[in-house]
């Protein structure tokens, strides 16, 4: 079935691409797009399609029941290891050198090869630790 680039999907993609370092719930996204007259049902429908297309990563934060979405199709996100704060939800791209050191060290010590494109490491960011 062909996927159409509707006005709603186009605006949603624009919004998500402007917030690549954030994980947001569907309600947060819909609230941010209310001025664009995009309904919550359209947000859910499009998030599902974008996730199927590999443009979004969906995750659940420890201690919450909410589902969070993050746009991962930008150049800075491609093949990047992400760090996500449990407290504020801020997402950080781990530098390539640091990511490669971590991946190599894990492979050497355990024999386990991590797929960094699908990995989010959770912890507490510097701002929340203050």
N, C-alpha and C. Protein backbone atom coordinates (compact mmCIF):
# COMPACT_ATOMS: atom_id res chain seq x y z
N UNK A 1 0.83 -1.16 0.00
CA UNK A 1 0.00 0.00 0.00
C UNK A 1 0.89 1.25 0.00
N UNK A 2 0.62 2.18 -0.86
CA UNK A 2 1.42 3.40 -0.98
C UNK A 2 1.18 4.30 0.23
N UNK A 3 2.25 4.93 0.67
CA UNK A 3 2.13 5.87 1.78
C UNK A 3 2.17 7.28 1.22
N UNK A 4 1.21 8.06 1.62
CA UNK A 4 1.10 9.42 1.13
C UNK A 4 1.78 10.37 2.10
N UNK A 5 2.39 11.40 1.57
CA UNK A 5 3.02 12.43 2.38
C UNK A 5 1.96 13.50 2.65
N UNK A 6 1.13 13.24 3.64
CA UNK A 6 0.06 14.18 3.97
C UNK A 6 0.66 15.42 4.65
N UNK A 7 -0.12 16.46 4.73
CA UNK A 7 0.29 17.68 5.41
C UNK A 7 0.64 17.36 6.87
N UNK A 8 -0.18 16.51 7.49
CA UNK A 8 0.05 16.16 8.89
C UNK A 8 1.37 15.40 9.07
N UNK A 9 1.61 14.43 8.20
CA UNK A 9 2.84 13.65 8.31
C UNK A 9 4.05 14.53 8.05
N UNK A 10 3.94 15.41 7.06
CA UNK A 10 5.05 16.32 6.74
C UNK A 10 5.37 17.21 7.93
N UNK A 11 4.35 17.78 8.56
CA UNK A 11 4.56 18.66 9.72
C UNK A 11 5.11 17.89 10.91
N UNK A 12 4.61 16.68 11.12
CA UNK A 12 5.12 15.84 12.20
C UNK A 12 6.60 15.53 11.99
N UNK A 13 6.98 15.18 10.77
CA UNK A 13 8.39 14.91 10.47
C UNK A 13 9.25 16.15 10.69
N UNK A 14 8.75 17.30 10.29
CA UNK A 14 9.49 18.54 10.51
C UNK A 14 9.72 18.76 12.01
N UNK A 15 8.66 18.59 12.77
CA UNK A 15 8.75 18.79 14.22
C UNK A 15 9.75 17.80 14.84
N UNK A 16 9.63 16.54 14.50
CA UNK A 16 10.52 15.53 15.07
C UNK A 16 11.97 15.78 14.68
N UNK A 17 12.21 16.20 13.44
CA UNK A 17 13.58 16.44 12.99
C UNK A 17 14.19 17.67 13.67
N UNK A 18 13.35 18.55 14.20
CA UNK A 18 13.83 19.71 14.95
C UNK A 18 14.12 19.35 16.41
N UNK A 19 13.74 18.14 16.85
CA UNK A 19 13.88 17.71 18.24
C UNK A 19 14.55 16.33 18.32
N UNK A 20 15.66 16.17 17.62
CA UNK A 20 16.30 14.86 17.56
C UNK A 20 16.88 14.39 18.88
N UNK A 21 17.16 15.31 19.79
CA UNK A 21 17.75 14.93 21.07
C UNK A 21 16.71 14.75 22.17
N UNK A 22 15.46 14.60 21.79
CA UNK A 22 14.40 14.46 22.78
C UNK A 22 13.60 13.19 22.55
N UNK A 23 13.18 12.60 23.65
CA UNK A 23 12.22 11.51 23.60
C UNK A 23 10.92 12.08 24.11
N UNK A 24 9.85 11.90 23.33
CA UNK A 24 8.56 12.51 23.67
C UNK A 24 7.45 11.47 23.55
N UNK A 25 6.41 11.68 24.33
CA UNK A 25 5.22 10.84 24.22
C UNK A 25 4.37 11.37 23.06
N UNK A 26 3.44 10.56 22.62
CA UNK A 26 2.52 10.99 21.56
C UNK A 26 1.72 12.20 22.02
N UNK A 27 1.34 12.24 23.30
CA UNK A 27 0.58 13.37 23.82
C UNK A 27 1.41 14.66 23.82
N UNK A 28 2.69 14.56 24.17
CA UNK A 28 3.55 15.73 24.13
C UNK A 28 3.69 16.25 22.70
N UNK A 29 3.83 15.34 21.77
CA UNK A 29 3.96 15.73 20.36
C UNK A 29 2.68 16.38 19.87
N UNK A 30 1.55 15.74 20.17
CA UNK A 30 0.26 16.29 19.74
C UNK A 30 0.02 17.66 20.34
N UNK A 31 0.38 17.83 21.61
CA UNK A 31 0.21 19.13 22.26
C UNK A 31 1.06 20.20 21.58
N UNK A 32 2.27 19.84 21.19
CA UNK A 32 3.15 20.79 20.50
C UNK A 32 2.62 21.16 19.11
N UNK A 33 1.81 20.27 18.54
CA UNK A 33 1.32 20.49 17.18
C UNK A 33 -0.15 20.94 17.13
N UNK A 34 -0.71 21.32 18.26
CA UNK A 34 -2.12 21.73 18.26
C UNK A 34 -2.38 22.94 17.36
N UNK A 35 -1.43 23.85 17.29
CA UNK A 35 -1.60 25.03 16.43
C UNK A 35 -1.67 24.64 14.95
N UNK A 36 -1.15 23.45 14.63
CA UNK A 36 -1.17 22.95 13.24
C UNK A 36 -2.41 22.11 12.96
N UNK A 37 -3.33 22.05 13.93
CA UNK A 37 -4.57 21.28 13.80
C UNK A 37 -4.31 19.80 13.47
N UNK A 38 -3.38 19.21 14.21
CA UNK A 38 -3.09 17.79 14.04
C UNK A 38 -3.64 17.06 15.26
N UNK A 39 -4.55 16.15 15.03
CA UNK A 39 -5.22 15.44 16.12
C UNK A 39 -4.32 14.38 16.74
N UNK A 40 -4.65 13.98 17.95
CA UNK A 40 -3.90 12.92 18.62
C UNK A 40 -3.98 11.62 17.83
N UNK A 41 -5.12 11.34 17.22
CA UNK A 41 -5.24 10.09 16.43
C UNK A 41 -4.33 10.15 15.21
N UNK A 42 -4.20 11.32 14.58
CA UNK A 42 -3.28 11.45 13.44
C UNK A 42 -1.83 11.29 13.90
N UNK A 43 -1.51 11.81 15.09
CA UNK A 43 -0.15 11.66 15.62
C UNK A 43 0.15 10.18 15.84
N UNK A 44 -0.76 9.46 16.53
CA UNK A 44 -0.55 8.03 16.77
C UNK A 44 -0.41 7.26 15.45
N UNK A 45 -1.28 7.52 14.52
CA UNK A 45 -1.26 6.82 13.24
C UNK A 45 0.07 7.05 12.51
N UNK A 46 0.50 8.29 12.49
CA UNK A 46 1.75 8.61 11.80
C UNK A 46 2.97 8.12 12.54
N UNK A 47 2.96 8.17 13.88
CA UNK A 47 4.08 7.64 14.65
C UNK A 47 4.26 6.16 14.37
N UNK A 48 3.18 5.45 14.31
CA UNK A 48 3.23 4.02 14.02
C UNK A 48 3.84 3.76 12.65
N UNK A 49 3.41 4.52 11.66
CA UNK A 49 3.94 4.35 10.29
C UNK A 49 5.42 4.75 10.23
N UNK A 50 5.80 5.81 10.91
CA UNK A 50 7.19 6.26 10.90
C UNK A 50 8.10 5.27 11.62
N UNK A 51 7.56 4.64 12.66
CA UNK A 51 8.34 3.61 13.36
C UNK A 51 8.55 2.41 12.44
N UNK A 52 7.51 2.00 11.74
CA UNK A 52 7.62 0.88 10.79
C UNK A 52 8.65 1.19 9.70
N UNK A 53 8.74 2.45 9.31
CA UNK A 53 9.69 2.87 8.28
C UNK A 53 11.11 3.03 8.82
N UNK A 54 11.30 2.83 10.12
CA UNK A 54 12.62 2.93 10.72
C UNK A 54 13.09 4.35 10.98
N UNK A 55 12.17 5.30 10.99
CA UNK A 55 12.53 6.70 11.22
C UNK A 55 12.45 7.10 12.69
N UNK A 56 11.76 6.28 13.46
CA UNK A 56 11.58 6.54 14.89
C UNK A 56 12.02 5.35 15.70
N UNK A 57 12.47 5.65 16.91
CA UNK A 57 12.76 4.60 17.88
C UNK A 57 11.74 4.76 19.00
N UNK A 58 11.13 3.67 19.39
CA UNK A 58 10.13 3.69 20.45
C UNK A 58 10.73 3.01 21.67
N UNK A 59 10.52 3.61 22.85
CA UNK A 59 11.08 3.02 24.06
C UNK A 59 10.18 3.33 25.25
N UNK A 60 10.43 2.59 26.33
CA UNK A 60 9.72 2.80 27.59
C UNK A 60 10.78 3.08 28.64
N UNK A 61 10.59 4.16 29.37
CA UNK A 61 11.53 4.51 30.44
C UNK A 61 11.23 3.69 31.68
N UNK A 62 12.28 3.28 32.33
CA UNK A 62 12.14 2.53 33.57
C UNK A 62 11.33 3.35 34.58
N UNK A 63 10.39 2.69 35.21
CA UNK A 63 9.58 3.35 36.23
C UNK A 63 8.39 4.11 35.68
N UNK A 64 8.18 4.04 34.37
CA UNK A 64 7.03 4.71 33.76
C UNK A 64 6.26 3.71 32.90
N UNK A 65 5.06 4.07 32.56
CA UNK A 65 4.29 3.23 31.65
C UNK A 65 4.14 3.90 30.29
N UNK A 66 4.68 5.12 30.19
CA UNK A 66 4.56 5.86 28.94
C UNK A 66 5.49 5.34 27.86
N UNK A 67 5.03 5.47 26.63
CA UNK A 67 5.84 5.11 25.47
C UNK A 67 6.44 6.40 24.92
N UNK A 68 7.73 6.38 24.66
CA UNK A 68 8.43 7.56 24.18
C UNK A 68 8.97 7.31 22.77
N UNK A 69 8.96 8.36 21.98
CA UNK A 69 9.42 8.28 20.60
C UNK A 69 10.57 9.24 20.38
N UNK A 70 11.52 8.81 19.56
CA UNK A 70 12.64 9.67 19.20
C UNK A 70 12.93 9.50 17.72
N UNK A 71 13.09 10.61 17.04
CA UNK A 71 13.42 10.62 15.62
C UNK A 71 14.88 10.22 15.45
N UNK A 72 15.15 9.21 14.65
CA UNK A 72 16.52 8.70 14.51
C UNK A 72 17.01 8.72 13.06
N UNK A 73 16.29 9.42 12.19
CA UNK A 73 16.66 9.41 10.77
C UNK A 73 17.59 10.56 10.39
N UNK A 74 17.90 11.45 11.33
CA UNK A 74 18.79 12.55 10.99
C UNK A 74 20.21 12.02 10.85
N UNK A 75 21.03 12.78 10.16
CA UNK A 75 22.43 12.37 9.95
C UNK A 75 23.15 12.14 11.27
N UNK A 76 22.90 13.00 12.26
CA UNK A 76 23.58 12.86 13.54
C UNK A 76 23.14 11.63 14.32
N UNK A 77 21.97 11.08 14.00
CA UNK A 77 21.46 9.90 14.71
C UNK A 77 21.83 8.58 14.04
N UNK A 78 22.08 8.63 12.75
CA UNK A 78 22.33 7.39 12.03
C UNK A 78 23.54 6.69 12.63
N UNK A 79 23.35 5.42 12.93
CA UNK A 79 24.42 4.57 13.44
C UNK A 79 25.07 5.17 14.69
N UNK A 80 24.25 5.79 15.53
CA UNK A 80 24.76 6.43 16.73
C UNK A 80 24.25 5.71 17.97
N UNK A 81 25.07 5.65 18.97
CA UNK A 81 24.68 5.10 20.27
C UNK A 81 24.08 6.25 21.07
N UNK A 82 22.93 6.05 21.66
CA UNK A 82 22.23 7.11 22.39
C UNK A 82 22.30 6.87 23.89
N UNK A 83 22.43 7.97 24.62
CA UNK A 83 22.36 7.96 26.07
C UNK A 83 21.09 8.70 26.45
N UNK A 84 20.30 8.15 27.35
CA UNK A 84 19.03 8.78 27.71
C UNK A 84 18.93 8.92 29.23
N UNK A 85 18.56 10.11 29.67
CA UNK A 85 18.42 10.38 31.10
C UNK A 85 17.08 9.86 31.61
N UNK A 86 17.14 9.06 32.68
CA UNK A 86 15.92 8.55 33.33
C UNK A 86 15.05 9.67 33.89
N UNK A 87 15.67 10.75 34.30
CA UNK A 87 14.95 11.79 35.01
C UNK A 87 14.28 12.78 34.07
N UNK A 88 15.06 13.39 33.17
CA UNK A 88 14.49 14.44 32.31
C UNK A 88 14.18 13.96 30.89
N UNK A 89 14.68 12.79 30.51
CA UNK A 89 14.40 12.26 29.18
C UNK A 89 15.31 12.77 28.09
N UNK A 90 16.26 13.63 28.46
CA UNK A 90 17.21 14.17 27.48
C UNK A 90 17.99 13.03 26.84
N UNK A 91 18.18 13.13 25.54
CA UNK A 91 18.93 12.12 24.80
C UNK A 91 20.22 12.74 24.28
N UNK A 92 21.30 12.02 24.40
CA UNK A 92 22.62 12.50 23.99
C UNK A 92 23.22 11.49 23.03
N UNK A 93 23.82 11.98 21.96
CA UNK A 93 24.53 11.11 21.04
C UNK A 93 25.94 10.90 21.60
N UNK A 94 26.30 9.65 21.84
CA UNK A 94 27.65 9.35 22.31
C UNK A 94 28.60 9.57 21.14
N UNK A 95 29.70 10.23 21.37
CA UNK A 95 30.68 10.48 20.32
C UNK A 95 31.15 9.18 19.69
N UNK A 96 31.53 9.26 18.44
CA UNK A 96 31.95 8.06 17.71
C UNK A 96 33.14 7.38 18.37
N UNK A 97 34.12 8.16 18.82
CA UNK A 97 35.30 7.58 19.46
C UNK A 97 34.91 6.85 20.74
N UNK A 98 34.09 7.50 21.57
CA UNK A 98 33.65 6.88 22.83
C UNK A 98 32.80 5.65 22.58
N UNK A 99 31.90 5.74 21.60
CA UNK A 99 31.04 4.60 21.27
C UNK A 99 31.89 3.42 20.80
N UNK A 100 32.84 3.69 19.93
CA UNK A 100 33.69 2.60 19.42
C UNK A 100 34.52 1.97 20.52
N UNK A 101 35.00 2.79 21.48
CA UNK A 101 35.75 2.25 22.61
C UNK A 101 34.87 1.32 23.45
N UNK A 102 33.65 1.77 23.72
CA UNK A 102 32.71 0.97 24.50
C UNK A 102 32.37 -0.34 23.77
N UNK A 103 32.07 -0.24 22.49
CA UNK A 103 31.71 -1.42 21.71
C UNK A 103 32.88 -2.40 21.64
N UNK A 104 34.08 -1.87 21.40
CA UNK A 104 35.26 -2.73 21.31
C UNK A 104 35.56 -3.40 22.65
N UNK A 105 35.48 -2.63 23.73
CA UNK A 105 35.74 -3.17 25.06
C UNK A 105 34.73 -4.27 25.41
N UNK A 106 33.48 -4.05 25.09
CA UNK A 106 32.44 -5.06 25.36
C UNK A 106 32.69 -6.32 24.55
N UNK A 107 33.03 -6.14 23.30
CA UNK A 107 33.31 -7.30 22.43
C UNK A 107 34.52 -8.07 22.95
N UNK A 108 35.57 -7.36 23.32
CA UNK A 108 36.79 -8.01 23.81
C UNK A 108 36.55 -8.77 25.12
N UNK A 109 35.80 -8.16 26.04
CA UNK A 109 35.65 -8.77 27.36
C UNK A 109 34.55 -9.83 27.42
N UNK A 110 33.53 -9.72 26.57
CA UNK A 110 32.42 -10.67 26.67
C UNK A 110 32.17 -11.48 25.40
N UNK A 111 32.74 -11.03 24.28
CA UNK A 111 32.46 -11.68 23.02
C UNK A 111 31.11 -11.27 22.43
N UNK A 112 30.45 -10.30 23.08
CA UNK A 112 29.13 -9.85 22.66
C UNK A 112 29.28 -8.61 21.79
N UNK A 113 28.70 -8.66 20.59
CA UNK A 113 28.76 -7.52 19.68
C UNK A 113 27.45 -6.75 19.75
N UNK A 114 27.54 -5.49 20.16
CA UNK A 114 26.37 -4.63 20.32
C UNK A 114 26.01 -3.99 18.99
N UNK A 115 24.71 -3.98 18.68
CA UNK A 115 24.19 -3.26 17.52
C UNK A 115 23.92 -1.84 17.97
N UNK A 116 24.85 -0.93 17.71
CA UNK A 116 24.71 0.42 18.25
C UNK A 116 23.58 1.21 17.64
N UNK A 117 23.13 0.85 16.45
CA UNK A 117 22.04 1.61 15.82
C UNK A 117 20.71 1.39 16.55
N UNK A 118 20.60 0.33 17.31
CA UNK A 118 19.35 0.06 18.01
C UNK A 118 19.50 0.13 19.52
N UNK A 119 20.52 0.83 19.99
CA UNK A 119 20.82 0.79 21.41
C UNK A 119 20.66 2.15 22.08
N UNK A 120 19.99 2.13 23.23
CA UNK A 120 19.88 3.31 24.09
C UNK A 120 20.41 2.88 25.46
N UNK A 121 21.36 3.64 25.99
CA UNK A 121 21.85 3.40 27.33
C UNK A 121 21.20 4.41 28.26
N UNK A 122 20.65 3.92 29.37
CA UNK A 122 19.92 4.79 30.30
C UNK A 122 20.77 5.08 31.52
N UNK A 123 20.62 6.29 32.03
CA UNK A 123 21.34 6.72 33.22
C UNK A 123 20.83 8.08 33.62
N UNK A 124 21.68 8.89 34.25
CA UNK A 124 21.31 10.23 34.69
C UNK A 124 22.30 11.22 34.10
N UNK A 125 21.77 12.25 33.43
CA UNK A 125 22.61 13.25 32.76
C UNK A 125 23.29 14.15 33.79
N UNK A 126 24.28 14.90 33.32
CA UNK A 126 25.04 15.80 34.19
C UNK A 126 24.16 16.85 34.84
N UNK A 127 23.20 17.41 34.10
CA UNK A 127 22.31 18.44 34.66
C UNK A 127 21.47 17.89 35.80
N UNK A 128 20.95 16.68 35.66
CA UNK A 128 20.08 16.08 36.70
C UNK A 128 20.88 15.58 37.90
N UNK A 129 22.16 15.33 37.72
CA UNK A 129 23.00 14.89 38.84
C UNK A 129 23.41 16.04 39.75
N UNK A 130 23.18 17.27 39.31
CA UNK A 130 23.58 18.45 40.12
C UNK A 130 22.71 18.59 41.34
